[in-house]
Amino acid sequence: AGDVGSAMRGFGIPVTIVTLGSKGALITADGFETKIDAPQVTAVDTTGAGDVFAGTLAGLLANGCVLQEAASVAVAAASLSVTRSKTTPSFPTRDELATLFGQARQMKQGHAPDA
């Protein structure tokens, strides 16, 4: 996956995010590479998980969230979505996204997320 980031930089694309399914995502940018691990879940239906990831990431970035934090929440949201059946009903609610965002903030500050 890191090779994709290197290849994209060769085309003038400075930042790439590669989703890794149950293994999370990889962000590559000038000078760094960050892997975001996905929480372990029991997958029921993976349809739409990429859409959940992309939509969550885009929404958070559009609202001023920093890339690594937005990607962490997007990975968690996609992981949550695969635990449910069907595409649209599996999408996390606004309240669930707020909870995931709060947990990502706690992790960033070095605290275990509240259960």
Protein backbone atom coordinates (compact mmCIF):
# COMPACT_ATOMS: atom_id res chain seq x y z
CA ALA A 1 0.00 0.00 0.00
CA GLY A 2 2.90 2.34 0.69
CA ASP A 3 4.03 1.79 -2.88
CA VAL A 4 0.77 3.34 -4.06
CA GLY A 5 1.58 6.52 -2.13
CA SER A 6 5.05 6.66 -3.67
CA ALA A 7 3.64 6.11 -7.15
CA MET A 8 1.00 8.81 -6.69
CA ARG A 9 3.62 11.32 -5.50
CA GLY A 10 5.38 10.64 -8.81
CA PHE A 11 2.24 11.99 -10.50
CA GLY A 12 2.24 15.09 -8.32
CA ILE A 13 -0.36 13.86 -5.82
CA PRO A 14 1.08 14.76 -2.40
CA VAL A 15 -1.31 12.84 -0.14
CA THR A 16 -2.89 9.42 -0.60
CA ILE A 17 -5.13 7.30 1.55
CA VAL A 18 -5.36 3.60 0.81
CA THR A 19 -8.09 1.63 2.54
CA LEU A 20 -7.00 -1.79 3.75
CA GLY A 21 -10.34 -3.37 4.62
CA SER A 22 -10.27 -5.03 8.03
CA LYS A 23 -6.71 -3.79 8.51
CA GLY A 24 -7.67 -0.09 8.43
CA ALA A 25 -6.08 2.52 6.18
CA LEU A 26 -2.70 3.91 5.24
CA ILE A 27 -2.01 7.62 4.79
CA THR A 28 1.09 8.61 2.87
CA ALA A 29 2.24 12.19 2.48
CA ASP A 30 5.48 14.04 2.03
CA GLY A 31 7.76 12.83 4.78
CA PHE A 32 5.42 10.45 6.59
CA GLU A 33 3.40 7.29 6.39
CA THR A 34 0.73 6.53 8.99
CA LYS A 35 -1.22 3.32 9.39
CA ILE A 36 -4.58 3.53 11.08
CA ASP A 37 -5.68 0.21 12.52
CA ALA A 38 -9.31 -0.80 12.29
CA PRO A 39 -11.07 -2.08 15.38
CA GLN A 40 -11.72 -5.81 15.31
CA VAL A 41 -15.35 -6.48 14.50
CA THR A 42 -17.42 -9.36 13.22
CA ALA A 43 -18.35 -8.43 9.67
CA VAL A 44 -21.90 -9.12 8.57
CA ASP A 45 -22.01 -7.21 5.27
CA THR A 46 -19.14 -5.18 3.82
CA THR A 47 -21.26 -3.53 1.12
CA GLY A 48 -20.99 0.22 1.43
CA ALA A 49 -18.03 0.28 3.83
CA GLY A 50 -15.91 2.22 1.35
CA ASP A 51 -18.72 4.72 0.89
CA VAL A 52 -18.98 5.16 4.66
CA PHE A 53 -15.22 5.69 4.85
CA ALA A 54 -15.14 8.21 2.00
CA GLY A 55 -18.23 10.11 3.12
CA THR A 56 -17.09 10.34 6.73
CA LEU A 57 -13.60 11.41 5.70
CA ALA A 58 -14.87 14.06 3.27
CA GLY A 59 -17.41 15.42 5.73
CA LEU A 60 -14.90 15.75 8.54
CA LEU A 61 -12.25 17.33 6.32
CA ALA A 62 -14.82 19.79 4.94
CA ASN A 63 -15.59 20.79 8.53
CA GLY A 64 -11.95 21.51 9.40
CA CYS A 65 -10.86 18.24 10.96
CA VAL A 66 -7.19 17.32 10.48
CA LEU A 67 -6.47 14.45 8.10
CA GLN A 68 -5.22 11.83 10.56
CA GLU A 69 -8.10 12.37 12.97
CA ALA A 70 -10.66 12.38 10.13
CA ALA A 71 -9.20 9.15 8.74
CA SER A 72 -9.28 7.51 12.18
CA VAL A 73 -12.96 8.32 12.57
CA ALA A 74 -13.65 7.20 8.99
CA VAL A 75 -11.98 3.83 9.63
CA ALA A 76 -14.03 3.39 12.81
CA ALA A 77 -17.24 4.39 11.00
CA ALA A 78 -16.58 1.92 8.18
CA SER A 79 -15.80 -0.78 10.75
CA LEU A 80 -19.10 -0.10 12.49
CA SER A 81 -20.97 -0.23 9.18
CA VAL A 82 -19.80 -3.75 8.34
CA THR A 83 -21.40 -5.09 11.52
CA ARG A 84 -24.85 -4.39 10.02
CA SER A 85 -26.84 -5.73 7.10
CA LYS A 86 -27.58 -3.88 3.90
CA THR A 87 -25.98 -0.72 2.64
CA THR A 88 -27.93 2.36 3.70
CA PRO A 89 -29.16 1.00 7.05
CA SER A 90 -25.56 0.15 7.95
CA PHE A 91 -24.40 3.76 7.75
CA PRO A 92 -23.60 5.21 11.19
CA THR A 93 -25.95 7.84 12.58
CA ARG A 94 -24.84 11.37 13.40
CA ASP A 95 -24.81 10.44 17.11
CA GLU A 96 -22.67 7.37 16.43
CA LEU A 97 -20.23 9.48 14.41
CA ALA A 98 -20.04 11.99 17.26
CA THR A 99 -19.18 9.14 19.65
CA LEU A 100 -16.49 7.84 17.27
CA PHE A 101 -15.08 11.34 16.92
CA GLY A 102 -14.93 11.71 20.71
CA GLN A 103 -13.16 8.37 21.02
CA ALA A 104 -10.62 9.39 18.36
CA ARG A 105 -9.93 12.60 20.29
CA GLN A 106 -9.39 10.63 23.50
CA MET A 107 -6.99 8.25 21.73
CA LYS A 108 -5.08 11.22 20.30
CA GLN A 109 -4.69 12.59 23.82
CA GLY A 110 -3.37 9.23 25.03
CA HIS A 111 -6.48 8.10 26.89
CA ALA A 112 -8.42 4.90 26.39
CA PRO A 113 -11.86 5.67 24.94
CA ASP A 114 -14.82 5.51 27.28
CA ALA A 115 -16.74 2.28 26.92
